[in-house]
Amino acid sequence: MARISLNGIVKRYGAAEAIHGVDLDIEDGEFVAFVGPSGCGKSTMLRMIAGLEEISGGRLHIGGTLVNDVEPKGRDVAMVFQDYALYPHMSVAQNIGFGLKMRGETPDTIRDKVAEAARILQLDELLDRRPGQLSGGQRQRVAMGRAIVRKPKVFLFDEPLSNLDAKLRVEMRTQIKRLHRMLRTTTIYVTHDQVEAMTLADRVVVLRRGDIIQHGAPLELYSRPNCRFVAEFIGSPQMNILPGTVVAADAGAAIGFDGGAIALSRVDAPPGTAVDMGLRPEHLIPCAEAEADFIAEIDVTEELGSDTLAICLMAGRELTVRLPPGHGGRPGARLPLCFDRRNLHAFDAGDGRRLDFTA
């Protein structure tokens, strides 16, 4: 296991700069997920840590050792790829033990380590099969087994579940979570799926255009995003955004929007400031019409069993509302809604930064 430190890390491709001086410390045994839209730099960061991409500037330390110029094989990291990268002509046991064989381990040692990895990943009965005889989830477990037997300082995962169907992704998330709990190896996990990041990681790092926008515990990013980009990227379904304007009010301030207004004691912005209000679907609460902050009209409902998602229209805008199962709302019905003021978010409409306020 090892602590990883990125200090001013830069990646250039010719004159174009893809990573802009990133600073990040990953603690020994921590599970960190890199997330962000396509092209944000998350896989490039992972490949620089692995040694598969040259670092253009800055310093990278693994376990206290500067590794900028260290070859991949000398960094003691193991990488699990999206496409498994298994040898089709080899058995599961041979695939898992191949790296050990290349390092000159004895046959007895290889057999013991392969058996241990197979036990951990529940591959015991598949050791004689070839990759073509396995399901996608089984092949991914073999790829993980090949990484485990090396007992590296760091595990690196590059979108390992993106080729699997929804059911297998859920099963493999559980396997990876269980594996990290058992081994406590420092882990960096790249994914475009923020649900994977939220459920797996101790800490989530959100990247955009080669910069870290915010990092923290999953619930910290969910409940207190520092900008509109993070607010909309983290959470499923996506946060609702209502454009509004700060206005003066007798009690302090308010944010006015098409369809109503919400009174606040204080807003960290002067009257006239354009504001984007954010509310997650579970924080728009059905209420009596006399108490409502606004009235929406149900357009479409999605019954999920555990709850119901209602896609509503309000002043020409779509809002997603999470309702109890069997709520009974029908398309065209009026739906009076109250804001959960404890979970209201406000962002500057210009630069997207979070605005502080008192409800």
Protein backbone atom coordinates (compact mmCIF):
# COMPACT_ATOMS: atom_id res chain seq x y z
CA MET A 1 0.00 0.00 0.00
CA ALA A 2 1.17 3.56 -0.65
CA ARG A 3 0.30 7.23 -0.45
CA ILE A 4 0.11 8.99 -3.84
CA SER A 5 0.92 12.70 -4.23
CA LEU A 6 0.34 14.73 -7.38
CA ASN A 7 2.01 18.15 -7.25
CA GLY A 8 1.39 20.54 -10.14
CA ILE A 9 0.87 17.70 -12.62
CA VAL A 10 0.67 18.90 -16.24
CA LYS A 11 0.07 16.99 -19.47
CA ARG A 12 0.70 18.60 -22.85
CA TYR A 13 0.15 17.24 -26.33
CA GLY A 14 2.24 19.59 -28.43
CA ALA A 15 0.99 23.11 -27.72
CA ALA A 16 -2.30 21.87 -26.24
CA GLU A 17 -2.46 21.44 -22.45
CA ALA A 18 -4.80 18.66 -21.36
CA ILE A 19 -4.07 18.64 -17.60
CA HIS A 20 -3.49 22.00 -15.92
CA GLY A 21 -1.24 21.75 -12.88
CA VAL A 22 -3.28 19.34 -10.74
CA ASP A 23 -2.56 18.93 -7.01
CA LEU A 24 -4.01 15.92 -5.17
CA ASP A 25 -3.01 13.64 -2.27
CA ILE A 26 -4.43 10.12 -2.04
CA GLU A 27 -3.93 8.47 1.33
CA ASP A 28 -2.57 5.00 1.96
CA GLY A 29 -5.43 2.50 1.57
CA GLU A 30 -7.91 5.09 0.27
CA PHE A 31 -10.36 4.36 -2.57
CA VAL A 32 -10.63 7.41 -4.83
CA ALA A 33 -12.82 7.72 -7.93
CA PHE A 34 -12.09 10.12 -10.80
CA VAL A 35 -15.29 11.21 -12.56
CA GLY A 36 -16.20 13.73 -15.20
CA PRO A 37 -17.49 14.03 -18.75
CA SER A 38 -15.66 12.57 -21.74
CA GLY A 39 -12.43 14.43 -22.44
CA CYS A 40 -12.07 15.86 -18.92
CA GLY A 41 -8.67 14.18 -18.37
CA LYS A 42 -9.54 11.41 -15.90
CA SER A 43 -8.05 8.53 -17.95
CA THR A 44 -5.02 10.65 -18.83
CA MET A 45 -4.41 11.24 -15.11
CA LEU A 46 -4.66 7.50 -14.44
CA ARG A 47 -2.27 6.65 -17.27
CA MET A 48 0.29 9.15 -16.00
CA ILE A 49 0.13 7.53 -12.55
CA ALA A 50 0.58 4.12 -14.18
CA GLY A 51 3.53 5.36 -16.26
CA LEU A 52 1.74 4.79 -19.56
CA GLU A 53 1.72 8.53 -20.33
CA GLU A 54 4.69 10.85 -19.89
CA ILE A 55 4.26 13.64 -17.33
CA SER A 56 4.89 17.03 -18.96
CA GLY A 57 5.31 18.94 -15.70
CA GLY A 58 5.02 18.60 -11.93
CA ARG A 59 5.97 15.77 -9.57
CA LEU A 60 4.35 12.39 -8.90
CA HIS A 61 5.25 10.45 -5.75
CA ILE A 62 4.11 6.90 -4.95
CA GLY A 63 4.97 5.69 -1.46
CA GLY A 64 7.24 8.69 -0.95
CA THR A 65 9.32 7.94 -4.07
CA LEU A 66 9.46 10.33 -7.03
CA VAL A 67 8.37 8.23 -10.03
CA ASN A 68 8.21 10.73 -12.91
CA ASP A 69 10.96 8.89 -14.77
CA VAL A 70 10.29 5.38 -13.43
CA GLU A 71 9.10 2.79 -15.97
CA PRO A 72 5.62 1.27 -15.38
CA LYS A 73 7.04 -2.06 -14.19
CA GLY A 74 9.08 -0.24 -11.53
CA ARG A 75 6.13 1.63 -9.96
CA ASP A 76 4.52 -1.44 -8.34
CA VAL A 77 1.03 -0.61 -9.59
CA ALA A 78 -1.51 -2.97 -11.19
CA MET A 79 -4.01 -1.76 -13.77
CA VAL A 80 -7.38 -3.28 -14.70
CA PHE A 81 -8.58 -2.20 -18.13
CA GLN A 82 -12.01 -1.80 -19.68
CA ASP A 83 -11.39 -4.54 -22.27
CA TYR A 84 -10.00 -7.14 -19.79
CA ALA A 85 -6.81 -7.70 -21.89
CA LEU A 86 -6.81 -11.49 -21.31
CA TYR A 87 -4.86 -14.00 -23.39
CA PRO A 88 -7.53 -16.05 -25.25
CA HIS A 89 -5.36 -19.17 -25.65
CA MET A 90 -4.57 -19.40 -21.92
CA SER A 91 -6.70 -20.84 -19.13
CA VAL A 92 -8.01 -18.68 -16.30
CA ALA A 93 -5.25 -19.97 -14.03
CA GLN A 94 -2.58 -19.21 -16.63
CA ASN A 95 -3.96 -15.70 -17.21
CA ILE A 96 -3.99 -14.92 -13.50
CA GLY A 97 -0.48 -16.29 -12.98
CA PHE A 98 1.13 -14.94 -16.15
CA GLY A 99 2.65 -11.87 -14.52
CA LEU A 100 4.12 -13.98 -11.73
CA LYS A 101 5.65 -16.34 -14.29
CA MET A 102 7.28 -13.38 -16.08
CA ARG A 103 8.75 -12.28 -12.75
CA GLY A 104 10.36 -15.69 -12.29
CA GLU A 105 8.20 -16.97 -9.41
CA THR A 106 8.37 -20.73 -8.78
CA PRO A 107 5.49 -22.95 -10.02
CA ASP A 108 4.48 -23.76 -6.42
CA THR A 109 4.33 -20.06 -5.48
CA ILE A 110 2.33 -19.24 -8.62
CA ARG A 111 -0.13 -22.07 -7.90
CA ASP A 112 -0.65 -20.92 -4.30
CA LYS A 113 -1.13 -17.25 -5.22
CA VAL A 114 -3.50 -18.08 -8.08
CA ALA A 115 -5.54 -20.31 -5.76
CA GLU A 116 -5.76 -17.51 -3.17
CA ALA A 117 -6.91 -14.95 -5.77
CA ALA A 118 -9.42 -17.43 -7.20
CA ARG A 119 -10.86 -18.02 -3.74
CA ILE A 120 -11.23 -14.28 -3.07
CA LEU A 121 -12.95 -13.71 -6.44
CA GLN A 122 -14.97 -16.94 -6.45
CA LEU A 123 -13.22 -18.29 -9.54
CA ASP A 124 -12.22 -21.66 -8.06
CA GLU A 125 -14.36 -23.71 -10.44
CA LEU A 126 -13.33 -21.76 -13.54
CA LEU A 127 -9.53 -22.08 -13.41
CA ASP A 128 -9.33 -24.55 -16.32
CA ARG A 129 -11.60 -22.57 -18.66
CA ARG A 130 -10.48 -20.15 -21.35
CA PRO A 131 -11.71 -16.52 -21.58
CA GLY A 132 -14.03 -17.34 -24.49
CA GLN A 133 -15.98 -19.68 -22.20
CA LEU A 134 -16.63 -16.97 -19.58
CA SER A 135 -19.24 -14.26 -19.12
CA GLY A 136 -18.24 -10.60 -19.11
CA GLY A 137 -18.36 -10.45 -15.33
CA GLN A 138 -16.23 -13.57 -14.98
CA ARG A 139 -13.64 -12.20 -17.41
CA GLN A 140 -13.45 -8.98 -15.42
CA ARG A 141 -12.88 -10.98 -12.25
CA VAL A 142 -10.03 -12.81 -13.97
CA ALA A 143 -8.49 -9.46 -14.89
CA MET A 144 -8.82 -8.39 -11.26
CA GLY A 145 -7.27 -11.69 -10.14
CA ARG A 146 -4.25 -11.03 -12.33
CA ALA A 147 -3.82 -7.70 -10.52
CA ILE A 148 -4.37 -9.17 -7.03
CA VAL A 149 -1.71 -11.89 -7.24
CA ARG A 150 1.01 -9.28 -7.71
CA LYS A 151 0.08 -7.65 -4.38
CA PRO A 152 0.92 -4.18 -5.74
CA LYS A 153 1.08 -0.92 -3.81
CA VAL A 154 -1.70 0.58 -5.94
CA PHE A 155 -4.68 -0.68 -7.94
CA LEU A 156 -5.73 1.38 -10.97
CA PHE A 157 -9.12 0.73 -12.60
CA ASP A 158 -9.91 2.31 -15.99
CA GLU A 159 -13.70 2.14 -16.54
CA PRO A 160 -13.67 -1.61 -15.82
CA LEU A 161 -17.44 -2.13 -15.85
CA SER A 162 -18.49 -0.14 -18.90
CA ASN A 163 -18.75 -3.26 -21.11
CA LEU A 164 -21.11 -5.06 -18.73
CA ASP A 165 -24.88 -5.00 -18.63
CA ALA A 166 -26.71 -3.23 -15.78
CA LYS A 167 -27.17 -6.32 -13.59
CA LEU A 168 -23.53 -7.39 -13.91
CA ARG A 169 -22.33 -3.84 -13.16
CA VAL A 170 -24.17 -3.92 -9.85
CA GLU A 171 -22.73 -7.35 -9.01
CA MET A 172 -19.19 -6.29 -9.91
CA ARG A 173 -19.49 -3.09 -7.86
CA THR A 174 -20.15 -5.29 -4.86
CA GLN A 175 -17.15 -7.49 -5.73
CA ILE A 176 -14.82 -4.49 -6.05
CA LYS A 177 -16.11 -2.93 -2.81
CA ARG A 178 -15.62 -6.23 -0.97
CA LEU A 179 -12.16 -6.67 -2.48
CA HIS A 180 -11.01 -3.24 -1.29
CA ARG A 181 -12.36 -3.87 2.20
CA MET A 182 -10.36 -7.12 2.36
CA LEU A 183 -7.07 -5.89 0.86
CA ARG A 184 -7.06 -2.16 1.81
CA THR A 185 -4.85 -1.41 -1.19
CA THR A 186 -4.70 2.21 -2.36
CA THR A 187 -7.12 2.34 -5.31
CA ILE A 188 -7.88 4.85 -8.05
CA TYR A 189 -10.98 4.14 -10.10
CA VAL A 190 -11.86 6.03 -13.31
CA THR A 191 -15.48 6.03 -14.43
CA HIS A 192 -17.95 8.17 -16.36
CA ASP A 193 -20.73 6.72 -14.20
CA GLN A 194 -21.24 8.89 -11.12
CA VAL A 195 -23.40 6.18 -9.48
CA GLU A 196 -20.38 3.84 -9.55
CA ALA A 197 -18.22 6.57 -8.07
CA MET A 198 -20.72 7.39 -5.31
CA THR A 199 -21.23 3.77 -4.26
CA LEU A 200 -17.60 2.63 -4.41
CA ALA A 201 -15.32 5.46 -3.36
CA ASP A 202 -14.21 6.92 -0.05
CA ARG A 203 -13.62 10.15 -1.98
CA VAL A 204 -14.81 11.37 -5.37
CA VAL A 205 -12.71 13.70 -7.54
CA VAL A 206 -14.72 15.63 -10.15
CA LEU A 207 -12.72 16.78 -13.18
CA ARG A 208 -13.60 19.17 -15.97
CA ARG A 209 -11.38 20.24 -18.86
CA GLY A 210 -8.20 19.10 -17.15
CA ASP A 211 -8.88 20.67 -13.75
CA ILE A 212 -10.18 19.31 -10.44
CA ILE A 213 -13.45 21.13 -9.75
CA GLN A 214 -14.23 19.56 -6.36
CA HIS A 215 -13.26 16.51 -4.34
CA GLY A 216 -14.68 15.06 -1.15
CA ALA A 217 -16.76 12.29 0.36
CA PRO A 218 -19.65 11.22 -1.92
CA LEU A 219 -22.35 12.64 0.36
CA GLU A 220 -20.41 15.90 0.72
CA LEU A 221 -20.47 16.42 -3.04
CA TYR A 222 -24.12 15.40 -3.19
CA SER A 223 -25.33 17.65 -0.39
CA ARG A 224 -22.98 20.62 -0.84
CA PRO A 225 -21.69 20.94 -4.40
CA ASN A 226 -19.42 23.96 -4.82
CA CYS A 227 -20.76 24.89 -8.26
CA ARG A 228 -23.59 24.18 -10.66
CA PHE A 229 -21.44 21.79 -12.74
CA VAL A 230 -20.85 19.45 -9.78
CA ALA A 231 -24.48 19.81 -8.66
CA GLU A 232 -25.78 18.63 -12.03
CA PHE A 233 -23.11 15.96 -12.56
CA ILE A 234 -23.50 14.24 -9.18
CA GLY A 235 -26.88 12.63 -8.45
CA SER A 236 -29.37 10.56 -10.41
CA PRO A 237 -31.86 11.77 -11.48
CA GLN A 238 -30.12 15.06 -12.12
CA MET A 239 -30.69 18.08 -9.88
CA ASN A 240 -33.51 20.41 -10.99
CA ILE A 241 -32.36 23.92 -11.91
CA LEU A 242 -34.71 26.92 -11.84
CA PRO A 243 -33.44 30.28 -13.13
CA GLY A 244 -34.32 33.22 -10.90
CA THR A 245 -33.25 36.64 -9.68
CA VAL A 246 -32.34 37.98 -6.24
CA VAL A 247 -34.87 40.59 -5.15
CA ALA A 248 -35.15 42.74 -2.05
CA ALA A 249 -37.79 41.71 0.48
CA ASP A 250 -39.13 43.05 3.78
CA ALA A 251 -37.63 40.13 5.70
CA GLY A 252 -34.24 40.33 3.98
CA ALA A 253 -34.15 38.87 0.46
CA ALA A 254 -35.90 36.52 -1.89
CA ILE A 255 -35.27 34.68 -5.12
CA GLY A 256 -37.99 35.26 -7.67
CA PHE A 257 -38.65 32.82 -10.51
CA ASP A 258 -41.32 32.15 -13.12
CA GLY A 259 -44.13 30.68 -11.10
CA GLY A 260 -43.31 32.07 -7.65
CA ALA A 261 -40.69 33.28 -5.21
CA ILE A 262 -38.89 31.93 -2.17
CA ALA A 263 -38.22 34.20 0.79
CA LEU A 264 -34.80 33.99 2.46
CA SER A 265 -33.22 35.79 5.40
CA ARG A 266 -30.00 36.46 3.50
CA VAL A 267 -28.44 35.80 0.08
CA ASP A 268 -24.75 36.32 -0.65
CA ALA A 269 -25.55 38.38 -3.75
CA PRO A 270 -27.05 41.86 -4.33
CA PRO A 271 -30.59 42.40 -5.70
CA GLY A 272 -30.71 41.93 -9.44
CA THR A 273 -28.21 39.06 -9.47
CA ALA A 274 -29.23 36.25 -11.82
CA VAL A 275 -29.34 33.00 -9.84
CA ASP A 276 -29.86 29.32 -10.63
CA MET A 277 -31.75 27.57 -7.85
CA GLY A 278 -31.12 23.87 -7.45
CA LEU A 279 -33.32 21.22 -5.85
CA ARG A 280 -32.94 17.48 -6.07
CA PRO A 281 -36.06 15.46 -7.00
CA GLU A 282 -36.54 14.25 -3.41
CA HIS A 283 -36.48 17.84 -2.10
CA LEU A 284 -39.57 18.96 -4.01
CA ILE A 285 -42.33 17.93 -1.62
CA PRO A 286 -46.02 17.46 -2.51
CA CYS A 287 -48.16 19.62 -0.21
CA ALA A 288 -51.56 21.27 0.16
CA GLU A 289 -52.22 23.82 -2.57
CA ALA A 290 -52.61 26.63 -0.02
CA GLU A 291 -49.09 25.97 1.29
CA ALA A 292 -47.41 25.44 -2.09
CA ASP A 293 -44.41 27.42 -3.32
CA PHE A 294 -45.65 26.73 -6.84
CA ILE A 295 -47.99 24.48 -8.82
CA ALA A 296 -46.59 22.06 -11.42
CA GLU A 297 -48.40 19.88 -13.92
CA ILE A 298 -47.56 16.19 -14.18
CA ASP A 299 -46.45 15.27 -17.69
CA VAL A 300 -45.04 11.72 -17.37
CA THR A 301 -44.66 9.29 -14.48
CA GLU A 302 -42.11 6.50 -14.12
CA GLU A 303 -43.03 3.77 -11.63
CA LEU A 304 -39.85 2.32 -10.13
CA GLY A 305 -41.42 0.19 -7.42
CA SER A 306 -39.57 1.76 -4.50
CA ASP A 307 -40.73 5.21 -5.58
CA THR A 308 -42.25 7.10 -8.51
CA LEU A 309 -40.54 9.73 -10.64
CA ALA A 310 -42.88 12.41 -11.94
CA ILE A 311 -41.67 14.57 -14.83
CA CYS A 312 -43.57 17.82 -14.35
CA LEU A 313 -43.95 21.08 -16.24
CA MET A 314 -43.76 24.47 -14.56
CA ALA A 315 -43.67 27.70 -16.57
CA GLY A 316 -42.50 25.73 -19.60
CA ARG A 317 -39.68 23.97 -17.72
CA GLU A 318 -39.30 20.31 -16.84
CA LEU A 319 -38.85 19.29 -13.21
CA THR A 320 -38.29 15.80 -11.85
CA VAL A 321 -40.05 15.02 -8.56
CA ARG A 322 -39.51 11.85 -6.51
CA LEU A 323 -42.86 10.67 -5.11
CA PRO A 324 -43.87 7.79 -2.84
CA PRO A 325 -44.70 4.52 -4.64
CA GLY A 326 -48.21 4.40 -6.02
CA HIS A 327 -48.68 8.15 -5.59
CA GLY A 328 -51.46 8.06 -8.14
CA GLY A 329 -50.56 11.22 -10.05
CA ARG A 330 -51.73 11.15 -13.64
CA PRO A 331 -50.55 13.15 -16.67
CA GLY A 332 -52.27 16.53 -16.69
CA ALA A 333 -52.90 16.55 -12.91
CA ARG A 334 -51.90 19.58 -10.86
CA LEU A 335 -49.14 18.91 -8.33
CA PRO A 336 -48.68 21.52 -5.57
CA LEU A 337 -45.05 21.51 -4.42
CA CYS A 338 -43.06 22.98 -1.55
CA PHE A 339 -39.30 23.54 -1.48
CA ASP A 340 -37.35 21.71 1.19
CA ARG A 341 -35.53 24.88 2.23
CA ARG A 342 -32.88 22.95 4.18
CA ASN A 343 -31.75 21.39 0.90
CA LEU A 344 -32.08 24.33 -1.46
CA HIS A 345 -29.00 25.28 -3.48
CA ALA A 346 -28.22 28.57 -5.21
CA PHE A 347 -25.58 29.23 -7.88
CA ASP A 348 -24.46 32.39 -9.63
CA ALA A 349 -25.96 32.19 -13.12
CA GLY A 350 -22.80 33.71 -14.60
CA ASP A 351 -19.88 31.68 -13.31
CA GLY A 352 -21.84 28.83 -11.66
CA ARG A 353 -20.24 29.22 -8.21
CA ARG A 354 -22.21 28.30 -5.11
CA LEU A 355 -23.92 31.20 -3.30
CA ASP A 356 -24.33 31.11 0.46
CA PHE A 357 -27.71 32.06 1.90
CA THR A 358 -29.80 31.70 5.02
CA ALA A 359 -33.30 30.28 4.64
